[in-house]
């Protein structure tokens, strides 16, 4: 059902998927660049259109009341932002306990310009022993994809260099809101 919905919405909006879908059942899926409220919807649509059932983390407050079951059916995983210290462990446990899990993370964590990406995607993938697939939306070409991947090696500088190179030619909805692709944890980063 979700595949049909994804194909319908993608054709209606003019978006198309490039490349092959990932052949793994567990991975962290980066969703970047992130400058618009539409980014997650488009990425979900493209993922569903090729049969990737994605999960995404959202503020626990959006899962209350009548929207709660809908958000969960759309792959939502409620998290409490005020309890960050155990988020990596919670998601790592979820990977361990799941046969299939594709966890979508928007590393910029905001639609506004951010000077640093949040490192949670990297920490979760490393703790869970799963690869990071580099999902993207390229608004200039109205295309998206999921094919490129990286297994976090623990050498955060080298891994982030690969990620930066991949996203260098991807156009955001609002390019002026795209900040640098870097983590505070990188040794080459200085404040």
N, C-alpha and C. Protein backbone atom coordinates (compact mmCIF):
# COMPACT_ATOMS: atom_id res chain seq x y z
N UNK A 1 0.82 -1.20 0.00
CA UNK A 1 0.00 0.00 0.00
C UNK A 1 0.87 1.27 0.00
N UNK A 2 1.88 1.30 0.90
CA UNK A 2 2.74 2.48 0.98
C UNK A 2 3.52 2.69 -0.32
N UNK A 3 3.87 1.58 -0.98
CA UNK A 3 4.58 1.70 -2.25
C UNK A 3 3.72 2.39 -3.31
N UNK A 4 2.44 2.02 -3.35
CA UNK A 4 1.52 2.66 -4.29
C UNK A 4 1.34 4.14 -3.96
N UNK A 5 1.20 4.44 -2.68
CA UNK A 5 1.06 5.83 -2.25
C UNK A 5 2.30 6.62 -2.65
N UNK A 6 3.48 6.04 -2.38
CA UNK A 6 4.74 6.70 -2.72
C UNK A 6 4.86 6.97 -4.21
N UNK A 7 4.54 5.99 -5.03
CA UNK A 7 4.62 6.17 -6.48
C UNK A 7 3.64 7.24 -6.95
N UNK A 8 2.44 7.22 -6.39
CA UNK A 8 1.41 8.19 -6.77
C UNK A 8 1.85 9.61 -6.42
N UNK A 9 2.30 9.81 -5.18
CA UNK A 9 2.71 11.15 -4.74
C UNK A 9 3.94 11.62 -5.52
N UNK A 10 4.89 10.71 -5.76
CA UNK A 10 6.09 11.08 -6.53
C UNK A 10 5.71 11.52 -7.93
N UNK A 11 4.82 10.79 -8.59
CA UNK A 11 4.42 11.17 -9.94
C UNK A 11 3.63 12.47 -9.94
N UNK A 12 2.81 12.66 -8.93
CA UNK A 12 2.00 13.87 -8.81
C UNK A 12 2.87 15.11 -8.60
N UNK A 13 3.94 14.96 -7.83
CA UNK A 13 4.81 16.10 -7.52
C UNK A 13 6.00 16.24 -8.46
N UNK A 14 6.22 15.26 -9.32
CA UNK A 14 7.30 15.34 -10.30
C UNK A 14 8.66 14.88 -9.81
N UNK A 15 8.72 14.25 -8.62
CA UNK A 15 9.98 13.76 -8.10
C UNK A 15 10.26 12.36 -8.63
N UNK A 16 11.56 12.03 -8.80
CA UNK A 16 11.93 10.69 -9.24
C UNK A 16 13.14 10.20 -8.46
N UNK A 17 13.26 8.88 -8.37
CA UNK A 17 14.37 8.23 -7.65
C UNK A 17 15.48 7.90 -8.62
N UNK A 18 16.71 8.16 -8.22
CA UNK A 18 17.88 7.76 -8.99
C UNK A 18 18.52 6.55 -8.34
N UNK A 19 19.17 5.72 -9.14
CA UNK A 19 19.95 4.61 -8.61
C UNK A 19 19.10 3.46 -8.09
N UNK A 20 19.76 2.53 -7.45
CA UNK A 20 19.12 1.34 -6.91
C UNK A 20 18.76 1.56 -5.45
N UNK A 21 17.79 0.77 -5.00
CA UNK A 21 17.48 0.84 -3.58
C UNK A 21 18.52 0.02 -2.82
N UNK A 22 18.81 0.39 -1.58
CA UNK A 22 19.79 -0.38 -0.79
C UNK A 22 19.34 -1.83 -0.61
N UNK A 23 20.32 -2.74 -0.59
CA UNK A 23 19.99 -4.16 -0.47
C UNK A 23 20.15 -4.67 0.97
N UNK A 24 20.18 -3.77 1.92
CA UNK A 24 20.30 -4.15 3.33
C UNK A 24 18.96 -3.93 4.02
N UNK A 25 18.74 -4.67 5.10
CA UNK A 25 17.48 -4.53 5.82
C UNK A 25 17.60 -3.61 7.04
N UNK A 26 18.84 -3.26 7.41
CA UNK A 26 19.05 -2.36 8.56
C UNK A 26 20.11 -1.33 8.21
N UNK A 27 19.75 -0.07 8.34
CA UNK A 27 20.73 1.00 8.15
C UNK A 27 20.14 2.32 8.62
N UNK A 28 21.04 3.28 8.85
CA UNK A 28 20.65 4.66 9.12
C UNK A 28 20.62 5.36 7.78
N UNK A 29 19.54 6.06 7.51
CA UNK A 29 19.37 6.80 6.26
C UNK A 29 19.44 8.29 6.54
N UNK A 30 20.52 8.93 6.06
CA UNK A 30 20.61 10.38 6.21
C UNK A 30 19.63 11.04 5.25
N UNK A 31 19.01 12.11 5.71
CA UNK A 31 18.11 12.90 4.88
C UNK A 31 18.68 14.31 4.84
N UNK A 32 19.38 14.62 3.76
CA UNK A 32 20.03 15.92 3.64
C UNK A 32 20.02 16.35 2.18
N UNK A 33 20.12 17.60 1.89
CA UNK A 33 20.05 18.71 2.82
C UNK A 33 18.62 18.92 3.32
N UNK A 34 18.50 19.61 4.45
CA UNK A 34 17.18 19.80 5.09
C UNK A 34 16.94 21.29 5.32
N UNK A 35 16.15 21.91 4.44
CA UNK A 35 15.86 23.34 4.57
C UNK A 35 14.37 23.66 4.47
N UNK A 36 13.54 22.64 4.30
CA UNK A 36 12.11 22.86 4.08
C UNK A 36 11.28 21.84 4.85
N UNK A 37 10.07 22.23 5.22
CA UNK A 37 9.14 21.27 5.84
C UNK A 37 8.79 20.14 4.89
N UNK A 38 8.94 20.33 3.61
CA UNK A 38 8.60 19.32 2.61
C UNK A 38 9.65 18.22 2.47
N UNK A 39 10.86 18.46 2.94
CA UNK A 39 11.96 17.52 2.74
C UNK A 39 11.63 16.10 3.22
N UNK A 40 11.15 15.99 4.44
CA UNK A 40 10.86 14.66 4.98
C UNK A 40 9.75 13.98 4.17
N UNK A 41 8.72 14.71 3.83
CA UNK A 41 7.62 14.13 3.04
C UNK A 41 8.13 13.61 1.70
N UNK A 42 8.93 14.41 1.00
CA UNK A 42 9.46 13.97 -0.30
C UNK A 42 10.36 12.75 -0.15
N UNK A 43 11.23 12.76 0.87
CA UNK A 43 12.12 11.62 1.06
C UNK A 43 11.33 10.36 1.40
N UNK A 44 10.33 10.49 2.27
CA UNK A 44 9.48 9.34 2.60
C UNK A 44 8.77 8.82 1.35
N UNK A 45 8.25 9.74 0.57
CA UNK A 45 7.55 9.37 -0.66
C UNK A 45 8.46 8.57 -1.59
N UNK A 46 9.68 9.06 -1.79
CA UNK A 46 10.61 8.36 -2.68
C UNK A 46 11.01 7.01 -2.11
N UNK A 47 11.23 6.95 -0.80
CA UNK A 47 11.57 5.67 -0.17
C UNK A 47 10.43 4.67 -0.32
N UNK A 48 9.23 5.11 -0.02
CA UNK A 48 8.07 4.21 -0.16
C UNK A 48 7.90 3.75 -1.61
N UNK A 49 8.17 4.64 -2.57
CA UNK A 49 7.94 4.29 -3.98
C UNK A 49 8.84 3.15 -4.45
N UNK A 50 9.99 2.94 -3.78
CA UNK A 50 10.87 1.83 -4.15
C UNK A 50 10.85 0.72 -3.10
N UNK A 51 9.90 0.79 -2.18
CA UNK A 51 9.71 -0.30 -1.22
C UNK A 51 10.58 -0.25 0.02
N UNK A 52 11.09 0.92 0.38
CA UNK A 52 11.89 1.05 1.60
C UNK A 52 10.97 1.54 2.72
N UNK A 53 10.68 0.69 3.71
CA UNK A 53 9.84 1.13 4.82
C UNK A 53 10.70 1.88 5.85
N UNK A 54 10.58 3.19 5.88
CA UNK A 54 11.45 3.99 6.74
C UNK A 54 10.80 4.34 8.07
N UNK A 55 11.66 4.48 9.07
CA UNK A 55 11.26 4.97 10.38
C UNK A 55 11.95 6.32 10.57
N UNK A 56 11.35 7.17 11.34
CA UNK A 56 11.93 8.48 11.61
C UNK A 56 11.62 8.87 13.04
N UNK A 57 12.54 9.63 13.64
CA UNK A 57 12.37 10.07 15.01
C UNK A 57 11.66 11.43 15.02
N UNK A 58 10.72 11.57 15.94
CA UNK A 58 10.01 12.84 16.07
C UNK A 58 9.79 13.17 17.54
N UNK A 59 9.57 14.44 17.81
CA UNK A 59 9.29 14.87 19.18
C UNK A 59 8.12 14.07 19.73
N UNK A 60 8.25 13.59 20.94
CA UNK A 60 7.20 12.77 21.55
C UNK A 60 5.85 13.48 21.55
N UNK A 61 5.86 14.80 21.59
CA UNK A 61 4.61 15.56 21.69
C UNK A 61 3.73 15.44 20.44
N UNK A 62 4.30 15.10 19.29
CA UNK A 62 3.45 14.97 18.09
C UNK A 62 2.77 13.60 18.01
N UNK A 63 3.04 12.73 18.97
CA UNK A 63 2.45 11.39 18.97
C UNK A 63 1.28 11.27 19.93
N UNK A 64 0.81 12.39 20.47
CA UNK A 64 -0.32 12.38 21.39
C UNK A 64 -1.63 12.56 20.63
N UNK A 65 -2.69 12.08 21.23
CA UNK A 65 -4.02 12.29 20.68
C UNK A 65 -4.26 11.53 19.39
N UNK A 66 -5.19 12.02 18.57
CA UNK A 66 -5.58 11.29 17.36
C UNK A 66 -4.48 11.18 16.30
N UNK A 67 -3.49 12.08 16.34
CA UNK A 67 -2.40 12.00 15.36
C UNK A 67 -1.38 10.93 15.71
N UNK A 68 -1.33 10.50 16.96
CA UNK A 68 -0.35 9.51 17.40
C UNK A 68 -0.32 8.26 16.56
N UNK A 69 -1.45 7.56 16.41
CA UNK A 69 -1.45 6.34 15.60
C UNK A 69 -1.09 6.58 14.13
N UNK A 70 -1.47 7.73 13.61
CA UNK A 70 -1.14 8.06 12.21
C UNK A 70 0.36 8.25 12.06
N UNK A 71 0.95 9.00 12.99
CA UNK A 71 2.40 9.24 12.94
C UNK A 71 3.18 7.93 13.06
N UNK A 72 2.73 7.05 13.93
CA UNK A 72 3.40 5.76 14.09
C UNK A 72 3.24 4.90 12.84
N UNK A 73 2.06 4.93 12.23
CA UNK A 73 1.82 4.17 11.00
C UNK A 73 2.70 4.67 9.86
N UNK A 74 3.06 5.96 9.90
CA UNK A 74 3.94 6.54 8.88
C UNK A 74 5.41 6.32 9.19
N UNK A 75 5.70 5.54 10.24
CA UNK A 75 7.08 5.20 10.59
C UNK A 75 7.67 6.01 11.72
N UNK A 76 6.86 6.83 12.37
CA UNK A 76 7.36 7.68 13.43
C UNK A 76 7.77 6.92 14.68
N UNK A 77 8.87 7.33 15.26
CA UNK A 77 9.38 6.77 16.51
C UNK A 77 9.47 7.95 17.49
N UNK A 78 8.62 7.96 18.53
CA UNK A 78 8.66 9.09 19.46
C UNK A 78 9.93 9.10 20.31
N UNK A 79 10.54 10.28 20.41
CA UNK A 79 11.72 10.44 21.27
C UNK A 79 11.56 11.71 22.10
N UNK A 80 12.18 11.68 23.26
CA UNK A 80 12.17 12.85 24.14
C UNK A 80 13.49 13.58 23.97
N UNK A 81 13.43 14.79 23.48
CA UNK A 81 14.65 15.57 23.26
C UNK A 81 15.32 15.98 24.56
N UNK A 82 14.56 15.99 25.64
CA UNK A 82 15.15 16.37 26.92
C UNK A 82 15.90 15.22 27.57
N UNK A 83 15.94 14.07 26.91
CA UNK A 83 16.65 12.89 27.43
C UNK A 83 17.63 12.35 26.40
N UNK A 84 18.45 13.21 25.87
CA UNK A 84 19.37 12.85 24.78
C UNK A 84 20.40 11.80 25.16
N UNK A 85 20.77 11.76 26.43
CA UNK A 85 21.88 10.91 26.82
C UNK A 85 21.66 9.44 26.53
N UNK A 86 20.43 9.00 26.44
CA UNK A 86 20.20 7.58 26.15
C UNK A 86 19.61 7.33 24.77
N UNK A 87 19.53 8.36 23.93
CA UNK A 87 18.94 8.20 22.59
C UNK A 87 19.75 7.23 21.73
N UNK A 88 21.06 7.34 21.77
CA UNK A 88 21.91 6.43 20.98
C UNK A 88 21.68 4.99 21.42
N UNK A 89 21.64 4.76 22.71
CA UNK A 89 21.42 3.41 23.23
C UNK A 89 20.01 2.90 22.86
N UNK A 90 19.00 3.77 22.98
CA UNK A 90 17.64 3.37 22.62
C UNK A 90 17.56 2.93 21.17
N UNK A 91 18.15 3.70 20.28
CA UNK A 91 18.09 3.39 18.85
C UNK A 91 18.95 2.17 18.52
N UNK A 92 20.11 2.04 19.19
CA UNK A 92 20.95 0.86 18.99
C UNK A 92 20.21 -0.40 19.42
N UNK A 93 19.51 -0.33 20.56
CA UNK A 93 18.70 -1.46 21.02
C UNK A 93 17.59 -1.78 20.03
N UNK A 94 17.01 -0.74 19.48
CA UNK A 94 15.93 -0.94 18.51
C UNK A 94 16.46 -1.68 17.27
N UNK A 95 17.64 -1.30 16.80
CA UNK A 95 18.26 -2.01 15.67
C UNK A 95 18.50 -3.48 16.04
N UNK A 96 19.04 -3.70 17.24
CA UNK A 96 19.32 -5.07 17.68
C UNK A 96 18.05 -5.92 17.72
N UNK A 97 16.96 -5.34 18.15
CA UNK A 97 15.70 -6.08 18.33
C UNK A 97 14.85 -6.16 17.07
N UNK A 98 15.26 -5.51 16.00
CA UNK A 98 14.46 -5.47 14.77
C UNK A 98 15.08 -6.32 13.67
N UNK A 99 14.24 -6.98 12.93
CA UNK A 99 14.70 -7.73 11.76
C UNK A 99 14.98 -6.78 10.59
N UNK A 100 14.13 -5.75 10.48
CA UNK A 100 14.27 -4.73 9.44
C UNK A 100 14.10 -3.37 10.11
N UNK A 101 15.04 -2.46 9.87
CA UNK A 101 14.89 -1.10 10.38
C UNK A 101 15.72 -0.15 9.53
N UNK A 102 15.04 0.81 8.95
CA UNK A 102 15.69 1.89 8.23
C UNK A 102 15.32 3.16 8.98
N UNK A 103 16.28 3.70 9.72
CA UNK A 103 16.04 4.87 10.55
C UNK A 103 16.51 6.12 9.83
N UNK A 104 15.57 6.98 9.47
CA UNK A 104 15.89 8.22 8.77
C UNK A 104 16.25 9.30 9.79
N UNK A 105 17.36 9.97 9.54
CA UNK A 105 17.83 11.03 10.44
C UNK A 105 18.16 12.25 9.59
N UNK A 106 17.67 13.40 10.03
CA UNK A 106 18.02 14.67 9.39
C UNK A 106 19.13 15.29 10.23
N UNK A 107 20.39 15.15 9.79
CA UNK A 107 21.52 15.52 10.64
C UNK A 107 21.64 17.01 10.94
N UNK A 108 21.02 17.84 10.10
CA UNK A 108 21.07 19.27 10.40
C UNK A 108 20.16 19.62 11.58
N UNK A 109 19.15 18.79 11.81
CA UNK A 109 18.24 18.91 12.95
C UNK A 109 17.45 20.21 12.97
N UNK A 110 17.51 20.96 11.92
CA UNK A 110 16.75 22.20 11.82
C UNK A 110 16.64 22.58 10.35
N UNK A 111 15.62 23.37 10.04
CA UNK A 111 15.51 23.87 8.67
C UNK A 111 16.29 25.17 8.49
N UNK A 112 16.71 25.76 9.59
CA UNK A 112 17.52 26.99 9.54
C UNK A 112 18.99 26.62 9.33
N UNK A 113 19.77 27.60 8.96
CA UNK A 113 21.21 27.35 8.78
C UNK A 113 21.83 26.92 10.11
N UNK A 114 22.57 25.83 10.07
CA UNK A 114 23.25 25.31 11.27
C UNK A 114 24.75 25.25 10.98
N UNK A 115 25.55 25.64 11.94
CA UNK A 115 27.00 25.61 11.76
C UNK A 115 27.58 24.20 11.87
N UNK A 116 26.82 23.32 12.53
CA UNK A 116 27.28 21.93 12.69
C UNK A 116 26.11 20.98 12.52
N UNK A 117 26.39 19.81 11.97
CA UNK A 117 25.42 18.72 11.98
C UNK A 117 25.45 18.08 13.35
N UNK A 118 24.34 17.47 13.74
CA UNK A 118 24.28 16.67 14.96
C UNK A 118 24.92 15.32 14.65
N UNK A 119 25.68 14.79 15.57
CA UNK A 119 26.43 13.55 15.32
C UNK A 119 25.65 12.28 15.67
N UNK A 120 24.40 12.41 16.08
CA UNK A 120 23.61 11.24 16.49
C UNK A 120 23.55 10.16 15.43
N UNK A 121 23.39 10.53 14.16
CA UNK A 121 23.32 9.53 13.09
C UNK A 121 24.57 8.66 13.09
N UNK A 122 25.73 9.29 13.28
CA UNK A 122 27.00 8.57 13.26
C UNK A 122 27.12 7.67 14.48
N UNK A 123 26.78 8.22 15.65
CA UNK A 123 26.87 7.46 16.89
C UNK A 123 25.91 6.28 16.90
N UNK A 124 24.70 6.47 16.40
CA UNK A 124 23.71 5.38 16.35
C UNK A 124 24.20 4.28 15.42
N UNK A 125 24.64 4.65 14.21
CA UNK A 125 25.10 3.64 13.25
C UNK A 125 26.30 2.87 13.79
N UNK A 126 27.23 3.58 14.39
CA UNK A 126 28.42 2.92 14.94
C UNK A 126 28.06 1.98 16.09
N UNK A 127 27.21 2.45 17.00
CA UNK A 127 26.81 1.61 18.14
C UNK A 127 26.02 0.39 17.68
N UNK A 128 25.19 0.55 16.64
CA UNK A 128 24.36 -0.55 16.16
C UNK A 128 25.10 -1.45 15.17
N UNK A 129 26.25 -1.00 14.66
CA UNK A 129 27.00 -1.78 13.68
C UNK A 129 26.31 -1.85 12.33
N UNK A 130 25.66 -0.75 11.94
CA UNK A 130 24.95 -0.70 10.66
C UNK A 130 25.53 0.41 9.79
N UNK A 131 25.38 0.31 8.47
CA UNK A 131 25.90 1.36 7.59
C UNK A 131 25.02 2.60 7.61
N UNK A 132 25.60 3.67 7.11
CA UNK A 132 24.88 4.92 6.91
C UNK A 132 24.68 5.07 5.41
N UNK A 133 23.42 5.10 4.98
CA UNK A 133 23.13 5.37 3.56
C UNK A 133 22.89 6.85 3.41
N UNK A 134 23.45 7.43 2.36
CA UNK A 134 23.40 8.87 2.16
C UNK A 134 22.19 9.21 1.28
N UNK A 135 21.06 9.41 1.94
CA UNK A 135 19.85 9.80 1.23
C UNK A 135 19.89 11.28 0.92
N UNK A 136 19.31 11.65 -0.19
CA UNK A 136 19.35 13.06 -0.57
C UNK A 136 18.13 13.43 -1.40
N UNK A 137 17.88 14.72 -1.41
CA UNK A 137 16.94 15.35 -2.31
C UNK A 137 17.73 16.42 -3.05
N UNK A 138 17.65 16.43 -4.36
CA UNK A 138 18.31 17.46 -5.16
C UNK A 138 17.20 18.26 -5.83
N UNK A 139 16.88 19.41 -5.26
CA UNK A 139 15.78 20.22 -5.76
C UNK A 139 16.04 20.76 -7.16
N UNK A 140 17.29 20.97 -7.53
CA UNK A 140 17.61 21.49 -8.87
C UNK A 140 17.16 20.51 -9.95
N UNK A 141 17.25 19.22 -9.67
CA UNK A 141 16.88 18.19 -10.65
C UNK A 141 15.61 17.42 -10.27
N UNK A 142 15.04 17.73 -9.10
CA UNK A 142 13.86 17.04 -8.57
C UNK A 142 14.08 15.53 -8.53
N UNK A 143 15.24 15.15 -8.00
CA UNK A 143 15.59 13.75 -7.87
C UNK A 143 16.03 13.48 -6.43
N UNK A 144 15.96 12.24 -6.05
CA UNK A 144 16.45 11.81 -4.76
C UNK A 144 16.99 10.41 -4.89
N UNK A 145 17.72 9.97 -3.89
CA UNK A 145 18.28 8.63 -3.94
C UNK A 145 18.80 8.18 -2.59
N UNK A 146 19.23 6.91 -2.53
CA UNK A 146 19.63 6.26 -1.28
C UNK A 146 20.82 5.34 -1.46
N UNK A 147 21.40 5.28 -2.62
CA UNK A 147 22.35 4.22 -2.97
C UNK A 147 23.70 4.32 -2.27
N UNK A 148 24.30 5.49 -2.20
CA UNK A 148 25.63 5.63 -1.61
C UNK A 148 25.59 5.31 -0.12
N UNK A 149 26.63 4.61 0.35
CA UNK A 149 26.65 4.27 1.77
C UNK A 149 28.08 4.30 2.30
N UNK A 150 28.16 4.36 3.62
CA UNK A 150 29.45 4.35 4.31
C UNK A 150 29.26 3.57 5.62
N UNK A 151 30.22 2.72 5.93
CA UNK A 151 30.21 2.03 7.22
C UNK A 151 31.07 2.86 8.15
N UNK A 152 30.50 3.38 9.25
CA UNK A 152 31.30 4.23 10.14
C UNK A 152 32.52 3.47 10.67
N UNK A 153 33.69 4.03 10.42
CA UNK A 153 34.94 3.35 10.76
C UNK A 153 35.47 3.73 12.14
N UNK A 154 34.94 4.82 12.69
CA UNK A 154 35.49 5.34 13.93
C UNK A 154 36.45 6.50 13.65
N UNK A 155 36.93 6.59 12.41
CA UNK A 155 37.75 7.74 11.99
C UNK A 155 36.78 8.79 11.47
N UNK A 156 36.27 9.58 12.38
CA UNK A 156 35.20 10.52 12.05
C UNK A 156 35.63 11.54 11.00
N UNK A 157 36.90 11.95 11.02
CA UNK A 157 37.39 12.91 10.02
C UNK A 157 37.33 12.32 8.62
N UNK A 158 37.82 11.11 8.46
CA UNK A 158 37.81 10.46 7.14
C UNK A 158 36.39 10.17 6.68
N UNK A 159 35.56 9.69 7.58
CA UNK A 159 34.17 9.37 7.21
C UNK A 159 33.41 10.63 6.80
N UNK A 160 33.60 11.72 7.53
CA UNK A 160 32.91 12.97 7.19
C UNK A 160 33.43 13.57 5.89
N UNK A 161 34.69 13.33 5.55
CA UNK A 161 35.22 13.80 4.26
C UNK A 161 34.47 13.14 3.11
N UNK A 162 34.17 11.85 3.25
CA UNK A 162 33.40 11.12 2.23
C UNK A 162 31.98 11.69 2.15
N UNK A 163 31.37 11.92 3.29
CA UNK A 163 30.00 12.44 3.33
C UNK A 163 29.95 13.85 2.72
N UNK A 164 30.91 14.70 3.05
CA UNK A 164 30.96 16.05 2.47
C UNK A 164 31.07 16.00 0.95
N UNK A 165 31.94 15.14 0.45
CA UNK A 165 32.13 15.03 -0.99
C UNK A 165 30.84 14.59 -1.68
N UNK A 166 30.12 13.66 -1.05
CA UNK A 166 28.87 13.17 -1.64
C UNK A 166 27.83 14.28 -1.77
N UNK A 167 27.66 15.07 -0.73
CA UNK A 167 26.61 16.09 -0.73
C UNK A 167 27.01 17.40 -1.41
N UNK A 168 28.24 17.52 -1.86
CA UNK A 168 28.74 18.78 -2.43
C UNK A 168 27.91 19.29 -3.60
N UNK A 169 27.35 18.41 -4.41
CA UNK A 169 26.60 18.87 -5.59
C UNK A 169 25.08 18.72 -5.46
N UNK A 170 24.58 18.54 -4.25
CA UNK A 170 23.14 18.40 -4.03
C UNK A 170 22.54 19.77 -3.68
N UNK A 171 21.45 20.14 -4.34
CA UNK A 171 20.83 21.45 -4.16
C UNK A 171 19.63 21.38 -3.24
N UNK A 172 19.65 22.18 -2.19
CA UNK A 172 18.54 22.24 -1.23
C UNK A 172 17.41 23.10 -1.79
N UNK A 173 16.26 22.98 -1.16
CA UNK A 173 15.12 23.82 -1.52
C UNK A 173 15.48 25.29 -1.33
N UNK A 174 16.13 25.60 -0.21
CA UNK A 174 16.58 26.96 0.09
C UNK A 174 18.09 26.93 0.32
N UNK A 175 18.88 27.04 -0.77
CA UNK A 175 20.34 26.91 -0.65
C UNK A 175 20.98 27.85 0.37
N UNK A 176 20.40 29.02 0.56
CA UNK A 176 20.97 29.98 1.51
C UNK A 176 20.89 29.49 2.96
N UNK A 177 20.09 28.47 3.22
CA UNK A 177 19.95 27.92 4.57
C UNK A 177 20.86 26.73 4.84
N UNK A 178 21.63 26.33 3.85
CA UNK A 178 22.53 25.18 4.01
C UNK A 178 23.81 25.63 4.70
N UNK A 179 24.10 25.01 5.83
CA UNK A 179 25.33 25.31 6.55
C UNK A 179 26.42 24.33 6.15
N UNK A 180 27.59 24.46 6.75
CA UNK A 180 28.69 23.53 6.45
C UNK A 180 28.37 22.11 6.92
N UNK A 181 28.89 21.15 6.19
CA UNK A 181 28.71 19.75 6.56
C UNK A 181 29.89 19.36 7.43
N UNK A 182 29.67 19.44 8.74
CA UNK A 182 30.73 19.13 9.69
C UNK A 182 30.12 18.79 11.04
N UNK A 183 30.88 18.07 11.82
CA UNK A 183 30.49 17.72 13.18
C UNK A 183 31.44 18.40 14.16
N UNK A 184 30.94 18.76 15.31
CA UNK A 184 31.81 19.35 16.34
C UNK A 184 32.93 18.39 16.74
N UNK A 185 32.67 17.09 16.61
CA UNK A 185 33.62 16.07 17.05
C UNK A 185 34.81 15.91 16.10
N UNK A 186 34.77 16.51 14.92
CA UNK A 186 35.88 16.37 14.00
C UNK A 186 37.11 17.12 14.52
N UNK A 187 38.28 16.49 14.38
CA UNK A 187 39.50 17.11 14.89
C UNK A 187 39.89 18.33 14.07
N UNK A 188 39.47 18.39 12.82
CA UNK A 188 39.83 19.51 11.95
C UNK A 188 38.91 20.72 12.13
N UNK A 189 37.89 20.58 12.98
CA UNK A 189 36.93 21.66 13.20
C UNK A 189 37.41 22.52 14.36
N UNK A 190 37.40 23.82 14.14
CA UNK A 190 37.73 24.75 15.22
C UNK A 190 36.63 25.78 15.33
N UNK A 191 36.35 26.18 16.55
CA UNK A 191 35.30 27.20 16.77
C UNK A 191 35.85 28.59 16.59
